[in-house]
C-alpha atoms as a PDB file:
ATOM      1  CA  TYR A   1     -12.531 -74.465  -0.899  1.00  0.00           C
ATOM      2  CA  PHE A   2     -10.793 -71.874  -3.061  1.00  0.00           C
ATOM      3  CA  MET A   3     -10.524 -70.711  -6.703  1.00  0.00           C
ATOM      4  CA  VAL A   4      -7.350 -70.628  -8.561  1.00  0.00           C
ATOM      5  CA  LYS A   5      -6.367 -68.840 -11.816  1.00  0.00           C
ATOM      6  CA  PHE A   6      -2.814 -69.718 -13.286  1.00  0.00           C
ATOM      7  CA  LEU A   7      -1.132 -70.969 -16.279  1.00  0.00           C
ATOM      8  CA  ARG A   8       1.124 -74.050 -16.911  1.00  0.00           C
ATOM      9  CA  THR A   9       0.794 -75.927 -13.764  1.00  0.00           C
ATOM     10  CA  ALA A  10      -0.954 -79.183 -12.453  1.00  0.00           C
ATOM     11  CA  VAL A  11      -3.378 -79.684  -9.777  1.00  0.00           C
ATOM     12  CA  TYR A  12      -3.297 -82.779  -7.583  1.00  0.00           C
ATOM     13  CA  TRP A  13      -5.696 -83.535  -4.739  1.00  0.00           C
ATOM     14  CA  ASN A  14      -4.800 -86.353  -2.534  1.00  0.00           C
ATOM     15  CA  LYS A  15      -6.844 -88.475  -0.329  1.00  0.00           C
ATOM     16  CA  GLY A  16      -7.764 -87.042   3.136  1.00  0.00           C
ATOM     17  CA  ALA A  17      -9.737 -87.433   6.310  1.00  0.00           C
ATOM     18  CA  ARG A  18     -12.393 -85.094   5.119  1.00  0.00           C
ATOM     19  CA  GLU A  19     -13.937 -83.849   1.606  1.00  0.00           C
ATOM     20  CA  VAL A  20     -11.777 -81.359  -0.184  1.00  0.00           C
ATOM     21  CA  ASN A  21     -13.470 -78.870  -2.604  1.00  0.00           C
ATOM     22  CA  ALA A  22     -11.586 -77.293  -5.491  1.00  0.00           C
ATOM     23  CA  TYR A  23     -13.090 -74.814  -8.064  1.00  0.00           C
ATOM     24  CA  VAL A  24     -10.518 -74.014 -10.920  1.00  0.00           C
ATOM     25  CA  TYR A  25     -11.659 -71.334 -13.396  1.00  0.00           C
ATOM     26  CA  ASN A  26     -10.060 -69.845 -16.493  1.00  0.00           C
ATOM     27  CA  THR A  27      -6.931 -72.013 -16.475  1.00  0.00           C
ATOM     28  CA  ALA A  28      -4.621 -73.559 -18.973  1.00  0.00           C
ATOM     29  CA  PHE A  29      -2.736 -76.626 -18.152  1.00  0.00           C
ATOM     30  CA  ILE A  30       0.021 -76.859 -20.594  1.00  0.00           C
ATOM     31  CA  ASN A  31       2.865 -79.399 -21.195  1.00  0.00           C
ATOM     32  CA  ASN A  32       2.812 -81.036 -17.733  1.00  0.00           C
ATOM     33  CA  ARG A  33       4.328 -84.428 -17.156  1.00  0.00           C
ATOM     34  CA  THR A  34       3.584 -87.023 -14.395  1.00  0.00           C
ATOM     35  CA  ASP A  35       5.436 -89.987 -15.671  1.00  0.00           C
ATOM     36  CA  GLY A  36       8.849 -89.416 -13.807  1.00  0.00           C
ATOM     37  CA  SER A  37      10.215 -92.768 -12.626  1.00  0.00           C
ATOM     38  CA  LYS A  38       6.688 -94.411 -12.889  1.00  0.00           C
ATOM     39  CA  ASN A  39       4.953 -94.051 -16.203  1.00  0.00           C
ATOM     40  CA  SER A  40       1.616 -95.256 -14.696  1.00  0.00           C
ATOM     41  CA  ARG A  41       1.297 -91.745 -12.717  1.00  0.00           C
ATOM     42  CA  ARG A  42      -2.276 -90.450 -13.346  1.00  0.00           C
ATOM     43  CA  GLY A  43      -3.448 -87.039 -14.340  1.00  0.00           C
ATOM     44  CA  GLY A  44      -0.842 -84.939 -16.070  1.00  0.00           C
ATOM     45  CA  GLY A  45      -2.884 -81.662 -15.552  1.00  0.00           C
ATOM     46  CA  TYR A  46      -5.459 -82.520 -12.746  1.00  0.00           C
ATOM     47  CA  TYR A  47      -5.677 -85.569 -10.524  1.00  0.00           C
ATOM     48  CA  GLY A  48      -8.624 -85.931  -8.123  1.00  0.00           C
ATOM     49  CA  ARG A  49      -8.193 -88.574  -5.450  1.00  0.00           C
ATOM     50  CA  GLU A  50     -10.424 -89.914  -2.633  1.00  0.00           C
ATOM     51  CA  GLN A  51     -13.030 -87.488  -1.228  1.00  0.00           C
ATOM     52  CA  SER A  52     -12.107 -84.722  -3.618  1.00  0.00           C
ATOM     53  CA  LYS A  53     -15.037 -82.634  -5.101  1.00  0.00           C
ATOM     54  CA  ALA A  54     -14.018 -80.198  -7.876  1.00  0.00           C
ATOM     55  CA  VAL A  55     -15.207 -78.051 -10.716  1.00  0.00           C
ATOM     56  CA  LEU A  56     -13.134 -77.218 -13.682  1.00  0.00           C
ATOM     57  CA  ALA A  57     -14.670 -74.347 -15.693  1.00  0.00           C
ATOM     58  CA  ASN A  58     -13.232 -72.686 -18.863  1.00  0.00           C
ATOM     59  CA  CYS A  59     -10.043 -74.664 -18.672  1.00  0.00           C
ATOM     60  CA  THR A  60      -7.772 -75.745 -21.546  1.00  0.00           C
ATOM     61  CA  PHE A  61      -5.573 -79.013 -21.102  1.00  0.00           C
ATOM     62  CA  ASP A  62      -2.973 -79.307 -23.944  1.00  0.00           C
ATOM     63  CA  GLY A  63       0.326 -81.127 -24.312  1.00  0.00           C
ATOM     64  CA  ASN A  64       0.251 -82.978 -21.058  1.00  0.00           C
ATOM     65  CA  TYR A  65       1.765 -86.394 -20.761  1.00  0.00           C
ATOM     66  CA  GLY A  66       1.285 -89.231 -18.199  1.00  0.00           C
ATOM     67  CA  GLY A  67      -0.221 -92.596 -17.349  1.00  0.00           C
ATOM     68  CA  ASN A  68      -4.047 -93.090 -17.245  1.00  0.00           C
ATOM     69  CA  GLY A  69      -5.669 -89.904 -17.826  1.00  0.00           C
ATOM     70  CA  ALA A  70      -2.996 -87.916 -19.483  1.00  0.00           C
ATOM     71  CA  ALA A  71      -4.716 -84.571 -18.929  1.00  0.00           C
ATOM     72  CA  VAL A  72      -7.358 -85.316 -16.457  1.00  0.00           C
ATOM     73  CA  SER A  73      -7.800 -88.255 -13.992  1.00  0.00           C
ATOM     74  CA  LEU A  74     -10.357 -88.953 -11.213  1.00  0.00           C
ATOM     75  CA  TYR A  75     -10.002 -91.662  -8.671  1.00  0.00           C
ATOM     76  CA  GLY A  76     -12.002 -92.956  -5.869  1.00  0.00           C
ATOM     77  CA  THR A  77     -12.846 -96.029  -3.548  1.00  0.00           C
ATOM     78  CA  ALA A  78     -16.242 -97.414  -2.313  1.00  0.00           C
ATOM     79  CA  ALA A  79     -15.603 -95.900   1.153  1.00  0.00           C
ATOM     80  CA  LEU A  80     -14.097 -92.757  -0.100  1.00  0.00           C
ATOM     81  CA  PRO A  81     -15.558 -91.707  -3.545  1.00  0.00           C
ATOM     82  CA  SER A  82     -14.653 -88.590  -5.670  1.00  0.00           C
ATOM     83  CA  GLN A  83     -16.474 -86.200  -7.877  1.00  0.00           C
ATOM     84  CA  LEU A  84     -15.512 -83.831 -10.664  1.00  0.00           C
ATOM     85  CA  THR A  85     -17.662 -81.573 -12.840  1.00  0.00           C
ATOM     86  CA  MET A  86     -16.248 -80.228 -16.112  1.00  0.00           C
ATOM     87  CA  ILE A  87     -17.852 -77.288 -17.653  1.00  0.00           C
ATOM     88  CA  SER A  88     -16.777 -75.644 -20.978  1.00  0.00           C
ATOM     89  CA  CYS A  89     -13.306 -77.132 -21.228  1.00  0.00           C
ATOM     90  CA  THR A  90     -11.038 -77.912 -24.096  1.00  0.00           C
ATOM     91  CA  VAL A  91      -8.870 -81.179 -23.756  1.00  0.00           C
ATOM     92  CA  THR A  92      -6.648 -81.818 -26.691  1.00  0.00           C
ATOM     93  CA  ASN A  93      -3.191 -82.970 -27.818  1.00  0.00           C
ATOM     94  CA  ASN A  94      -2.496 -84.970 -24.517  1.00  0.00           C
ATOM     95  CA  THR A  95      -0.722 -88.304 -24.544  1.00  0.00           C
ATOM     96  CA  SER A  96      -1.347 -91.229 -22.176  1.00  0.00           C
ATOM     97  CA  THR A  97       1.005 -94.260 -21.861  1.00  0.00           C
ATOM     98  CA  PHE A  98      -1.921 -96.412 -20.876  1.00  0.00           C
ATOM     99  CA  THR A  99      -5.614 -95.588 -20.925  1.00  0.00           C
ATOM    100  CA  GLY A 100      -7.420 -92.061 -21.412  1.00  0.00           C
ATOM    101  CA  GLY A 101      -5.461 -89.799 -23.738  1.00  0.00           C
ATOM    102  CA  GLY A 102      -7.702 -86.965 -22.402  1.00  0.00           C
ATOM    103  CA  VAL A 103      -9.908 -87.786 -19.385  1.00  0.00           C
ATOM    104  CA  GLU A 104      -9.974 -90.960 -17.299  1.00  0.00           C
ATOM    105  CA  ALA A 105     -12.286 -91.750 -14.396  1.00  0.00           C
ATOM    106  CA  THR A 106     -12.316 -94.952 -12.483  1.00  0.00           C
ATOM    107  CA  ASP A 107     -14.937 -96.749 -10.438  1.00  0.00           C
ATOM    108  CA  ASN A 108     -16.431 -95.059  -7.356  1.00  0.00           C
ATOM    109  CA  THR A 109     -16.223 -91.475  -9.029  1.00  0.00           C
ATOM    110  CA  THR A 110     -18.936 -89.249 -10.341  1.00  0.00           C
ATOM    111  CA  LEU A 111     -17.768 -87.443 -13.457  1.00  0.00           C
ATOM    112  CA  ASN A 112     -20.101 -84.785 -15.109  1.00  0.00           C
ATOM    113  CA  VAL A 113     -19.062 -83.290 -18.320  1.00  0.00           C
ATOM    114  CA  TYR A 114     -20.906 -80.349 -19.965  1.00  0.00           C
ATOM    115  CA  ASN A 115     -20.133 -78.169 -23.173  1.00  0.00           C
ATOM    116  CA  THR A 116     -16.640 -79.693 -23.294  1.00  0.00           C
ATOM    117  CA  ILE A 117     -14.428 -80.829 -26.116  1.00  0.00           C
ATOM    118  CA  VAL A 118     -12.302 -83.964 -25.532  1.00  0.00           C
ATOM    119  CA  ALA A 119     -10.571 -84.726 -28.772  1.00  0.00           C
ATOM    120  CA  GLY A 120      -7.177 -85.311 -30.577  1.00  0.00           C
ATOM    121  CA  ASN A 121      -5.752 -87.127 -27.544  1.00  0.00           C
ATOM    122  CA  THR A 122      -3.827 -90.520 -27.807  1.00  0.00           C
ATOM    123  CA  ASP A 123      -3.236 -93.372 -25.643  1.00  0.00           C
ATOM    124  CA  ALA A 124      -1.171 -96.528 -25.859  1.00  0.00           C
ATOM    125  CA  LEU A 125      -4.211 -98.803 -25.561  1.00  0.00           C
ATOM    126  CA  GLY A 126      -6.483 -97.254 -28.096  1.00  0.00           C
ATOM    127  CA  TYR A 127      -9.475 -96.337 -26.112  1.00  0.00           C
ATOM    128  CA  PRO A 128     -11.626 -93.265 -26.418  1.00  0.00           C
ATOM    129  CA  ASP A 129     -10.409 -89.772 -25.513  1.00  0.00           C
ATOM    130  CA  LEU A 130     -12.628 -89.573 -22.553  1.00  0.00           C
ATOM    131  CA  VAL A 131     -13.009 -93.084 -20.756  1.00  0.00           C
ATOM    132  CA  VAL A 132     -14.444 -94.470 -17.623  1.00  0.00           C
ATOM    133  CA  THR A 133     -12.332 -97.422 -16.488  1.00  0.00           C
ATOM    134  CA  SER A 134     -13.245-100.525 -14.367  1.00  0.00           C
ATOM    135  CA  GLY A 135     -10.620-102.266 -12.298  1.00  0.00           C
ATOM    136  CA  ASN A 136      -7.908-100.274 -14.144  1.00  0.00           C
ATOM    137  CA  ASN A 137      -8.975-101.953 -17.384  1.00  0.00           C
ATOM    138  CA  GLY A 138      -9.887 -99.572 -20.378  1.00  0.00           C
ATOM    139  CA  THR A 139     -13.497 -99.505 -21.317  1.00  0.00           C
ATOM    140  CA  SER A 140     -15.722 -97.202 -23.388  1.00  0.00           C
ATOM    141  CA  ASN A 141     -18.111 -96.422 -20.577  1.00  0.00           C
ATOM    142  CA  LEU A 142     -19.523 -92.971 -20.594  1.00  0.00           C
ATOM    143  CA  PRO A 143     -19.383 -90.763 -17.554  1.00  0.00           C
ATOM    144  CA  ALA A 144     -22.464 -90.051 -15.250  1.00  0.00           C
ATOM    145  CA  THR A 145     -23.104 -86.963 -17.460  1.00  0.00           C
ATOM    146  CA  LEU A 146     -21.972 -86.231 -20.891  1.00  0.00           C
ATOM    147  CA  ALA A 147     -24.037 -83.381 -22.285  1.00  0.00           C
ATOM    148  CA  TYR A 148     -23.573 -81.094 -25.479  1.00  0.00           C
ATOM    149  CA  SER A 149     -19.875 -82.251 -25.733  1.00  0.00           C
ATOM    150  CA  VAL A 150     -17.395 -83.934 -27.888  1.00  0.00           C
ATOM    151  CA  ASN A 151     -15.540 -87.278 -27.092  1.00  0.00           C
ATOM    152  CA  GLY A 152     -13.044 -87.974 -30.048  1.00  0.00           C
ATOM    153  CA  SER A 153     -15.066 -87.665 -33.242  1.00  0.00           C
ATOM    154  CA  VAL A 154     -18.425 -88.288 -31.664  1.00  0.00           C
ATOM    155  CA  VAL A 155     -20.769 -85.456 -30.748  1.00  0.00           C
ATOM    156  CA  TYR A 156     -23.198 -85.609 -27.908  1.00  0.00           C
ATOM    157  CA  GLY A 157     -26.410 -83.868 -27.209  1.00  0.00           C
ATOM    158  CA  ALA A 158     -28.560 -84.046 -23.950  1.00  0.00           C
ATOM    159  CA  ASN A 159     -28.333 -87.001 -21.753  1.00  0.00           C
ATOM    160  CA  GLY A 160     -25.332 -88.868 -23.597  1.00  0.00           C
ATOM    161  CA  THR A 161     -27.148 -89.095 -26.703  1.00  0.00           C
ATOM    162  CA  VAL A 162     -25.221 -89.212 -29.924  1.00  0.00           C
ATOM    163  CA  VAL A 163     -25.970 -86.471 -32.475  1.00  0.00           C
ATOM    164  CA  SER A 164     -26.682 -88.414 -35.632  1.00  0.00           C
ATOM    165  CA  GLY A 165     -24.803 -87.312 -38.795  1.00  0.00           C
ATOM    166  CA  SER A 166     -22.530 -84.982 -36.846  1.00  0.00           C
ATOM    167  CA  THR A 167     -18.711 -85.569 -36.605  1.00  0.00           C
ATOM    168  CA  PHE A 168     -15.886 -83.476 -34.845  1.00  0.00           C
ATOM    169  CA  GLU A 169     -12.512 -83.375 -36.459  1.00  0.00           C
ATOM    170  CA  PHE A 170     -10.015 -81.999 -34.306  1.00  0.00           C
ATOM    171  CA  GLU A 171      -7.348 -81.427 -36.999  1.00  0.00           C
ATOM    172  CA  THR A 172      -9.507 -79.018 -38.885  1.00  0.00           C
ATOM    173  CA  MET A 173     -11.987 -77.785 -36.202  1.00  0.00           C
ATOM    174  CA  LEU A 174      -9.573 -76.559 -33.646  1.00  0.00           C
ATOM    175  CA  SER A 175      -6.722 -74.098 -34.319  1.00  0.00           C
ATOM    176  CA  ALA A 176      -3.099 -74.190 -33.067  1.00  0.00           C
ATOM    177  CA  LEU A 177      -2.514 -73.419 -29.478  1.00  0.00           C
ATOM    178  CA  ASN A 178      -2.163 -69.650 -29.010  1.00  0.00           C
ATOM    179  CA  ASP A 179      -1.887 -68.060 -25.608  1.00  0.00           C
ATOM    180  CA  GLY A 180      -3.235 -71.017 -23.684  1.00  0.00           C
ATOM    181  CA  VAL A 181      -6.300 -71.642 -25.909  1.00  0.00           C
ATOM    182  CA  ARG A 182      -7.441 -73.125 -29.214  1.00  0.00           C
ATOM    183  CA  ALA A 183     -10.121 -71.458 -31.327  1.00  0.00           C
ATOM    184  CA  LEU A 184     -12.900 -73.261 -33.000  1.00  0.00           C
ATOM    185  CA  THR A 185     -12.638 -73.097 -36.589  1.00  0.00           C
ATOM    186  CA  GLY A 186     -14.382 -74.200 -39.760  1.00  0.00           C
ATOM    187  CA  SER A 187     -18.054 -73.359 -40.871  1.00  0.00           C
ATOM    188  CA  ASP A 188     -19.388 -76.832 -40.396  1.00  0.00           C
ATOM    189  CA  ASN A 189     -17.929 -77.304 -36.928  1.00  0.00           C
ATOM    190  CA  PRO A 190     -20.591 -78.839 -34.741  1.00  0.00           C
ATOM    191  CA  ALA A 191     -18.902 -77.470 -31.531  1.00  0.00           C
ATOM    192  CA  LEU A 192     -19.750 -73.934 -32.852  1.00  0.00           C
ATOM    193  CA  THR A 193     -23.481 -74.359 -32.547  1.00  0.00           C
ATOM    194  CA  GLY A 194     -24.025 -77.743 -30.469  1.00  0.00           C
ATOM    195  CA  GLY A 195     -23.043 -76.484 -27.297  1.00  0.00           C
ATOM    196  CA  MET A 196     -24.907 -74.801 -24.399  1.00  0.00           C
ATOM    197  CA  ALA A 197     -26.024 -71.068 -24.032  1.00  0.00           C
ATOM    198  CA  ALA A 198     -24.799 -69.254 -21.070  1.00  0.00           C
ATOM    199  CA  SER A 199     -28.233 -69.407 -19.242  1.00  0.00           C
ATOM    200  CA  ALA A 200     -28.067 -73.156 -19.502  1.00  0.00           C
ATOM    201  CA  LEU A 201     -24.557 -73.334 -18.358  1.00  0.00           C
ATOM    202  CA  VAL A 202     -25.452 -71.329 -15.183  1.00  0.00           C
ATOM    203  CA  GLY A 203     -28.400 -73.720 -14.410  1.00  0.00           C
ATOM    204  CA  ILE A 204     -25.862 -76.719 -14.036  1.00  0.00           C
ATOM    205  CA  THR A 205     -24.573 -75.258 -10.892  1.00  0.00           C
ATOM    206  CA  THR A 206     -27.904 -74.783  -9.146  1.00  0.00           C
ATOM    207  CA  GLY A 207     -27.724 -76.352  -5.758  1.00  0.00           C
ATOM    208  CA  MET A 208     -23.922 -76.836  -5.636  1.00  0.00           C
ATOM    209  CA  ASN A 209     -22.327 -76.265  -2.265  1.00  0.00           C
ATOM    210  CA  PRO A 210     -20.286 -74.327  -2.207  1.00  0.00           C
ATOM    211  CA  GLU A 211     -21.776 -72.225  -4.990  1.00  0.00           C
ATOM    212  CA  VAL A 212     -20.010 -71.916  -8.354  1.00  0.00           C
ATOM    213  CA  ASP A 213     -19.237 -68.250  -9.417  1.00  0.00           C
ATOM    214  CA  THR A 214     -21.844 -68.109 -12.270  1.00  0.00           C
ATOM    215  CA  ASP A 215     -20.278 -64.956 -13.738  1.00  0.00           C
ATOM    216  CA  VAL A 216     -17.413 -67.232 -14.785  1.00  0.00           C
ATOM    217  CA  LEU A 217     -19.752 -69.406 -16.676  1.00  0.00           C
ATOM    218  CA  ARG A 218     -21.293 -66.491 -18.884  1.00  0.00           C
ATOM    219  CA  VAL A 219     -17.620 -65.809 -20.395  1.00  0.00           C
ATOM    220  CA  ASP A 220     -14.925 -68.097 -21.967  1.00  0.00           C
ATOM    221  CA  GLN A 221     -11.439 -68.595 -20.761  1.00  0.00           C
ATOM    222  CA  LYS A 222     -10.358 -65.090 -22.140  1.00  0.00           C
ATOM    223  CA  GLY A 223     -13.454 -63.168 -20.741  1.00  0.00           C
ATOM    224  CA  ASN A 224     -15.373 -63.188 -23.999  1.00  0.00           C
ATOM    225  CA  ASP A 225     -19.133 -63.205 -23.540  1.00  0.00           C
ATOM    226  CA  ARG A 226     -20.963 -66.552 -24.482  1.00  0.00           C
ATOM    227  CA  THR A 227     -23.476 -65.151 -26.651  1.00  0.00           C
ATOM    228  CA  GLY A 228     -24.044 -68.265 -28.834  1.00  0.00           C
ATOM    229  CA  SER A 229     -23.954 -71.935 -28.022  1.00  0.00           C
ATOM    230  CA  ALA A 230     -20.323 -72.917 -28.558  1.00  0.00           C
ATOM    231  CA  MET A 231     -18.506 -75.558 -26.740  1.00  0.00           C
ATOM    232  CA  GLY A 232     -15.115 -75.501 -25.210  1.00  0.00           C
ATOM    233  CA  ALA A 233     -12.950 -73.125 -23.141  1.00  0.00           C
ATOM    234  CA  TYR A 234     -12.679 -70.381 -25.780  1.00  0.00           C
ATOM    235  CA  VAL A 235     -15.268 -69.059 -28.200  1.00  0.00           C
ATOM    236  CA  GLY A 236     -13.220 -65.981 -29.479  1.00  0.00           C
ATOM    237  CA  ASN A 237     -11.581 -65.637 -32.809  1.00  0.00           C
END
């Protein structure tokens, strides 16, 4: 396994004879395209294939364009499943020509999402920003774990439970992109207080092999301390 820290690039893990591990920290995936000659290409920013196992922490996906899963896509088979854990990411302003304007996962995958904002993305078929598909048809299935996160306008607490009376509006609750991040804005923004504390974020990774660098989880994409319980890649002003 290895860790990468870079700006304006895409990651593609293809299928292989053995499991491949990738941990990506503090990274902005900006304005990548995967359409080319085939507009069905998945994952404009990150595409995990069979037997891939990855962690994305403190990552921003913005302005990416592609087929299913314009920003992030996860694909697996019954014989060769794949896994992705997203922790404290912001996925917005991405455009899909099919399903999953923000994040898409298929059958035979395990997608775990914590403290993450997936909002303000668009797809041609009108499905949610974060979607788990079946047989390549769009559905509104939730991932294996969706905790203290935003999917479109819907705010989730623990165990995929909807937070009643709470709505996220990306137009007013995320600032313009600046230096690879979007700041949280608005005094009534549920993402400012409805996320996870640093201690809880560190607890997510207990037992992972290889281990996640827990020091990464205590700060945001730009190195600001996570002293409160804000969602997303960036908690600075």
